Amino acid sequence: MSIQRFDVGPRMSKAVVHGDTVYLAGLTADKAKGQSVTEQTKEILSIIDGYLKQCGTDKSKLLRANIWLADIKTFNEMNAVWDAWVSPGNTPARATVEAKLAAPEFTVEIMVVAAK
């Protein structure tokens, strides 16, 4: 079975396709870095849409999502954006936890797995 890698860097690839499964790396907001959880979540979900399209799938085929928040008190703020974005009836298995992220400007990180 072939493996395709997208946006390959020295440490990680942003997306990997193996067979009919698409794995995205933990993604953070670059343009909205330092802005609100709402703005960072919107940007990350837009980035996810782009990678899923590039890999031949979309958010209706999400299997799993892992979400890290720098402050769990922002859970409802993040969920407001997530709930408006996620495909109704096609919600993935999901976990959300509080964690210290790579830089203090990042308040949200999201990683997903999808079927093709």
N, C-alpha and C. Protein backbone atom coordinates (compact mmCIF):
# COMPACT_ATOMS: atom_id res chain seq x y z
N MET A 1 0.84 -1.17 0.00
CA MET A 1 0.00 0.00 0.00
C MET A 1 0.89 1.24 0.00
N SER A 2 0.55 2.21 -0.82
CA SER A 2 1.39 3.40 -0.94
C SER A 2 1.15 4.37 0.22
N ILE A 3 2.14 5.21 0.44
CA ILE A 3 2.05 6.28 1.43
C ILE A 3 2.34 7.58 0.72
N GLN A 4 1.46 8.56 0.88
CA GLN A 4 1.67 9.90 0.34
C GLN A 4 1.86 10.85 1.51
N ARG A 5 2.81 11.76 1.38
CA ARG A 5 3.07 12.76 2.42
C ARG A 5 2.94 14.15 1.82
N PHE A 6 2.33 15.06 2.59
CA PHE A 6 2.10 16.43 2.15
C PHE A 6 2.77 17.39 3.12
N ASP A 7 3.34 18.46 2.57
CA ASP A 7 4.07 19.45 3.37
C ASP A 7 5.06 18.77 4.31
N VAL A 8 5.97 18.06 3.69
CA VAL A 8 6.98 17.29 4.41
C VAL A 8 8.05 18.23 4.94
N GLY A 9 8.35 18.12 6.22
CA GLY A 9 9.41 18.90 6.84
C GLY A 9 10.43 17.97 7.47
N PRO A 10 11.47 18.53 8.06
CA PRO A 10 12.50 17.71 8.66
C PRO A 10 12.02 16.95 9.91
N ARG A 11 10.96 17.46 10.55
CA ARG A 11 10.46 16.84 11.78
C ARG A 11 9.16 16.08 11.57
N MET A 12 8.32 16.57 10.65
CA MET A 12 7.01 15.95 10.46
C MET A 12 6.42 16.35 9.13
N SER A 13 5.42 15.59 8.72
CA SER A 13 4.60 15.94 7.57
C SER A 13 3.28 16.47 8.10
N LYS A 14 2.70 17.43 7.42
CA LYS A 14 1.42 18.00 7.87
C LYS A 14 0.26 17.03 7.62
N ALA A 15 0.40 16.21 6.56
CA ALA A 15 -0.63 15.22 6.25
C ALA A 15 0.02 13.98 5.66
N VAL A 16 -0.54 12.82 6.01
CA VAL A 16 -0.06 11.55 5.48
C VAL A 16 -1.28 10.73 5.09
N VAL A 17 -1.23 10.17 3.87
CA VAL A 17 -2.30 9.28 3.41
C VAL A 17 -1.71 7.89 3.28
N HIS A 18 -2.36 6.94 3.93
CA HIS A 18 -1.98 5.53 3.84
C HIS A 18 -3.24 4.76 3.50
N GLY A 19 -3.28 4.19 2.32
CA GLY A 19 -4.50 3.49 1.90
C GLY A 19 -5.65 4.48 1.81
N ASP A 20 -6.73 4.17 2.51
CA ASP A 20 -7.91 5.04 2.50
C ASP A 20 -8.04 5.85 3.79
N THR A 21 -6.92 6.06 4.47
CA THR A 21 -6.95 6.83 5.71
C THR A 21 -6.02 8.04 5.60
N VAL A 22 -6.52 9.18 6.07
CA VAL A 22 -5.78 10.44 6.04
C VAL A 22 -5.49 10.84 7.48
N TYR A 23 -4.22 11.07 7.76
CA TYR A 23 -3.77 11.48 9.10
C TYR A 23 -3.22 12.90 9.02
N LEU A 24 -3.78 13.81 9.79
CA LEU A 24 -3.24 15.16 9.83
C LEU A 24 -2.45 15.34 11.12
N ALA A 25 -1.40 16.12 11.03
CA ALA A 25 -0.59 16.45 12.21
C ALA A 25 -1.39 17.37 13.12
N GLY A 26 -0.92 17.56 14.33
CA GLY A 26 -1.51 18.57 15.21
C GLY A 26 -1.28 19.93 14.57
N LEU A 27 -2.36 20.65 14.29
CA LEU A 27 -2.28 21.92 13.57
C LEU A 27 -2.59 23.09 14.49
N THR A 28 -1.85 24.16 14.32
CA THR A 28 -2.06 25.38 15.08
C THR A 28 -2.30 26.53 14.11
N ALA A 29 -2.76 27.65 14.64
CA ALA A 29 -3.06 28.83 13.83
C ALA A 29 -1.81 29.69 13.68
N ASP A 30 -1.43 29.98 12.44
CA ASP A 30 -0.28 30.86 12.22
C ASP A 30 -0.71 32.32 12.14
N LYS A 31 -1.72 32.59 11.33
CA LYS A 31 -2.19 33.97 11.16
C LYS A 31 -2.87 34.50 12.42
N ALA A 32 -3.60 33.64 13.12
CA ALA A 32 -4.35 34.06 14.32
C ALA A 32 -3.55 33.81 15.61
N LYS A 33 -2.28 33.48 15.47
CA LYS A 33 -1.43 33.24 16.65
C LYS A 33 -1.52 34.45 17.58
N GLY A 34 -1.79 34.20 18.86
CA GLY A 34 -1.90 35.28 19.83
C GLY A 34 -3.30 35.87 19.92
N GLN A 35 -4.19 35.48 19.02
CA GLN A 35 -5.57 35.97 19.05
C GLN A 35 -6.44 35.04 19.90
N SER A 36 -7.73 35.26 19.88
CA SER A 36 -8.67 34.50 20.72
C SER A 36 -8.75 33.03 20.30
N VAL A 37 -9.27 32.23 21.20
CA VAL A 37 -9.51 30.82 20.91
C VAL A 37 -10.46 30.69 19.73
N THR A 38 -11.45 31.56 19.65
CA THR A 38 -12.39 31.54 18.53
C THR A 38 -11.65 31.72 17.22
N GLU A 39 -10.82 32.74 17.12
CA GLU A 39 -10.09 33.02 15.88
C GLU A 39 -9.10 31.91 15.54
N GLN A 40 -8.40 31.39 16.54
CA GLN A 40 -7.45 30.31 16.28
C GLN A 40 -8.18 29.05 15.82
N THR A 41 -9.30 28.73 16.45
CA THR A 41 -10.06 27.54 16.06
C THR A 41 -10.58 27.68 14.63
N LYS A 42 -11.10 28.85 14.28
CA LYS A 42 -11.58 29.07 12.91
C LYS A 42 -10.46 28.85 11.90
N GLU A 43 -9.29 29.40 12.18
CA GLU A 43 -8.18 29.24 11.24
C GLU A 43 -7.76 27.78 11.13
N ILE A 44 -7.64 27.09 12.25
CA ILE A 44 -7.22 25.69 12.22
C ILE A 44 -8.22 24.84 11.44
N LEU A 45 -9.50 25.05 11.65
CA LEU A 45 -10.51 24.26 10.94
C LEU A 45 -10.47 24.55 9.44
N SER A 46 -10.16 25.78 9.07
CA SER A 46 -10.00 26.12 7.66
C SER A 46 -8.78 25.40 7.07
N ILE A 47 -7.70 25.34 7.83
CA ILE A 47 -6.50 24.61 7.40
C ILE A 47 -6.82 23.13 7.24
N ILE A 48 -7.57 22.58 8.19
CA ILE A 48 -7.97 21.17 8.11
C ILE A 48 -8.78 20.93 6.84
N ASP A 49 -9.74 21.80 6.54
CA ASP A 49 -10.52 21.66 5.31
C ASP A 49 -9.61 21.60 4.09
N GLY A 50 -8.60 22.46 4.07
CA GLY A 50 -7.67 22.49 2.94
C GLY A 50 -6.88 21.21 2.78
N TYR A 51 -6.34 20.71 3.88
CA TYR A 51 -5.57 19.46 3.80
C TYR A 51 -6.45 18.28 3.44
N LEU A 52 -7.66 18.22 4.01
CA LEU A 52 -8.56 17.12 3.67
C LEU A 52 -8.89 17.14 2.19
N LYS A 53 -9.16 18.32 1.63
CA LYS A 53 -9.44 18.44 0.20
C LYS A 53 -8.24 17.98 -0.62
N GLN A 54 -7.06 18.44 -0.23
CA GLN A 54 -5.83 18.07 -0.94
C GLN A 54 -5.63 16.56 -0.93
N CYS A 55 -6.07 15.91 0.14
CA CYS A 55 -5.90 14.47 0.29
C CYS A 55 -7.07 13.67 -0.27
N GLY A 56 -8.06 14.35 -0.85
CA GLY A 56 -9.16 13.65 -1.50
C GLY A 56 -10.32 13.27 -0.60
N THR A 57 -10.54 14.05 0.47
CA THR A 57 -11.65 13.76 1.37
C THR A 57 -12.21 15.07 1.92
N ASP A 58 -13.08 14.97 2.92
CA ASP A 58 -13.64 16.17 3.55
C ASP A 58 -14.07 15.86 4.98
N LYS A 59 -14.55 16.89 5.67
CA LYS A 59 -14.87 16.76 7.09
C LYS A 59 -16.03 15.80 7.37
N SER A 60 -16.82 15.45 6.37
CA SER A 60 -17.90 14.49 6.59
C SER A 60 -17.36 13.08 6.82
N LYS A 61 -16.06 12.90 6.55
CA LYS A 61 -15.45 11.57 6.71
C LYS A 61 -14.47 11.52 7.88
N LEU A 62 -14.56 12.48 8.78
CA LEU A 62 -13.69 12.46 9.96
C LEU A 62 -13.97 11.22 10.80
N LEU A 63 -12.90 10.60 11.26
CA LEU A 63 -13.01 9.43 12.13
C LEU A 63 -12.70 9.79 13.58
N ARG A 64 -11.67 10.62 13.75
CA ARG A 64 -11.20 10.95 15.10
C ARG A 64 -10.65 12.36 15.12
N ALA A 65 -10.82 13.03 16.26
CA ALA A 65 -10.23 14.35 16.46
C ALA A 65 -9.66 14.42 17.88
N ASN A 66 -8.47 14.97 17.98
CA ASN A 66 -7.86 15.27 19.28
C ASN A 66 -7.67 16.77 19.33
N ILE A 67 -8.13 17.38 20.41
CA ILE A 67 -8.03 18.82 20.56
C ILE A 67 -7.32 19.12 21.88
N TRP A 68 -6.33 20.00 21.78
CA TRP A 68 -5.60 20.45 22.97
C TRP A 68 -5.89 21.92 23.16
N LEU A 69 -6.25 22.29 24.38
CA LEU A 69 -6.49 23.68 24.74
C LEU A 69 -5.48 24.10 25.79
N ALA A 70 -4.93 25.29 25.64
CA ALA A 70 -3.99 25.79 26.65
C ALA A 70 -4.70 26.05 27.97
N ASP A 71 -6.00 26.34 27.90
CA ASP A 71 -6.80 26.58 29.10
C ASP A 71 -8.18 25.93 28.89
N ILE A 72 -8.49 24.92 29.67
CA ILE A 72 -9.75 24.19 29.50
C ILE A 72 -10.96 25.09 29.74
N LYS A 73 -10.77 26.24 30.36
CA LYS A 73 -11.87 27.19 30.56
C LYS A 73 -12.38 27.73 29.22
N THR A 74 -11.61 27.55 28.15
CA THR A 74 -12.03 28.02 26.82
C THR A 74 -12.76 26.93 26.03
N PHE A 75 -13.09 25.83 26.70
CA PHE A 75 -13.76 24.69 26.07
C PHE A 75 -15.03 25.12 25.33
N ASN A 76 -15.89 25.89 25.98
CA ASN A 76 -17.15 26.30 25.34
C ASN A 76 -16.91 27.23 24.16
N GLU A 77 -15.91 28.10 24.27
CA GLU A 77 -15.57 29.01 23.17
C GLU A 77 -15.12 28.22 21.94
N MET A 78 -14.25 27.25 22.16
CA MET A 78 -13.78 26.41 21.06
C MET A 78 -14.94 25.61 20.48
N ASN A 79 -15.77 25.03 21.36
CA ASN A 79 -16.90 24.21 20.90
C ASN A 79 -17.90 24.99 20.05
N ALA A 80 -18.08 26.28 20.32
CA ALA A 80 -19.01 27.08 19.52
C ALA A 80 -18.55 27.09 18.07
N VAL A 81 -17.26 27.21 17.84
CA VAL A 81 -16.72 27.21 16.48
C VAL A 81 -16.78 25.80 15.90
N TRP A 82 -16.36 24.81 16.68
CA TRP A 82 -16.36 23.41 16.24
C TRP A 82 -17.76 22.98 15.83
N ASP A 83 -18.75 23.26 16.68
CA ASP A 83 -20.12 22.82 16.42
C ASP A 83 -20.69 23.42 15.14
N ALA A 84 -20.30 24.66 14.82
CA ALA A 84 -20.77 25.30 13.60
C ALA A 84 -20.07 24.72 12.36
N TRP A 85 -18.89 24.13 12.56
CA TRP A 85 -18.09 23.62 11.44
C TRP A 85 -18.32 22.14 11.15
N VAL A 86 -18.42 21.32 12.17
CA VAL A 86 -18.46 19.87 11.98
C VAL A 86 -19.70 19.46 11.18
N SER A 87 -19.56 18.39 10.40
CA SER A 87 -20.65 17.90 9.55
C SER A 87 -21.72 17.21 10.40
N PRO A 88 -22.94 17.75 10.43
CA PRO A 88 -24.00 17.15 11.25
C PRO A 88 -24.23 15.68 10.89
N GLY A 89 -24.32 14.85 11.89
CA GLY A 89 -24.54 13.42 11.67
C GLY A 89 -23.28 12.65 11.35
N ASN A 90 -22.16 13.37 11.18
CA ASN A 90 -20.88 12.73 10.84
C ASN A 90 -19.79 13.12 11.84
N THR A 91 -20.17 13.33 13.08
CA THR A 91 -19.20 13.76 14.08
C THR A 91 -18.22 12.63 14.40
N PRO A 92 -16.95 12.98 14.55
CA PRO A 92 -15.93 11.95 14.83
C PRO A 92 -15.87 11.60 16.31
N ALA A 93 -15.19 10.51 16.61
CA ALA A 93 -14.80 10.27 18.00
C ALA A 93 -13.85 11.41 18.35
N ARG A 94 -13.94 11.95 19.57
CA ARG A 94 -13.16 13.14 19.88
C ARG A 94 -12.73 13.16 21.34
N ALA A 95 -11.55 13.71 21.56
CA ALA A 95 -11.06 13.95 22.91
C ALA A 95 -10.55 15.38 22.96
N THR A 96 -10.81 16.06 24.06
CA THR A 96 -10.31 17.42 24.27
C THR A 96 -9.68 17.48 25.64
N VAL A 97 -8.45 17.96 25.70
CA VAL A 97 -7.73 18.06 26.97
C VAL A 97 -7.01 19.39 27.08
N GLU A 98 -6.67 19.74 28.30
CA GLU A 98 -5.85 20.91 28.55
C GLU A 98 -4.39 20.48 28.52
N ALA A 99 -3.56 21.27 27.85
CA ALA A 99 -2.14 20.95 27.76
C ALA A 99 -1.34 22.22 27.50
N LYS A 100 -0.11 22.20 27.93
CA LYS A 100 0.80 23.29 27.60
C LYS A 100 1.20 23.09 26.14
N LEU A 101 0.98 24.11 25.31
CA LEU A 101 1.27 23.99 23.88
C LEU A 101 2.67 24.51 23.59
N ALA A 102 3.10 24.37 22.34
CA ALA A 102 4.49 24.64 21.95
C ALA A 102 4.94 26.07 22.23
N ALA A 103 4.03 27.03 22.16
CA ALA A 103 4.37 28.43 22.43
C ALA A 103 3.17 29.08 23.11
N PRO A 104 3.39 30.07 23.95
CA PRO A 104 2.28 30.68 24.69
C PRO A 104 1.26 31.39 23.78
N GLU A 105 1.64 31.73 22.55
CA GLU A 105 0.71 32.39 21.63
C GLU A 105 -0.34 31.42 21.09
N PHE A 106 -0.07 30.13 21.20
CA PHE A 106 -1.01 29.12 20.73
C PHE A 106 -1.95 28.73 21.86
N THR A 107 -3.25 28.78 21.58
CA THR A 107 -4.24 28.40 22.60
C THR A 107 -5.00 27.14 22.21
N VAL A 108 -4.87 26.73 20.95
CA VAL A 108 -5.60 25.56 20.44
C VAL A 108 -4.69 24.79 19.49
N GLU A 109 -4.76 23.46 19.55
CA GLU A 109 -4.13 22.59 18.56
C GLU A 109 -5.11 21.47 18.26
N ILE A 110 -5.27 21.14 16.98
CA ILE A 110 -6.23 20.12 16.58
C ILE A 110 -5.56 19.13 15.62
N MET A 111 -5.82 17.85 15.86
CA MET A 111 -5.31 16.77 15.02
C MET A 111 -6.50 15.89 14.64
N VAL A 112 -6.60 15.53 13.35
CA VAL A 112 -7.70 14.68 12.93
C VAL A 112 -7.22 13.52 12.07
N VAL A 113 -8.07 12.50 12.03
CA VAL A 113 -7.90 11.35 11.14
C VAL A 113 -9.21 11.23 10.37
N ALA A 114 -9.12 10.98 9.06
CA ALA A 114 -10.31 10.87 8.23
C ALA A 114 -10.18 9.70 7.26
N ALA A 115 -11.31 9.20 6.83
CA ALA A 115 -11.36 8.21 5.76
C ALA A 115 -11.40 8.95 4.42
N LYS A 116 -11.01 8.25 3.38
CA LYS A 116 -11.09 8.86 2.03
C LYS A 116 -12.45 8.61 1.43
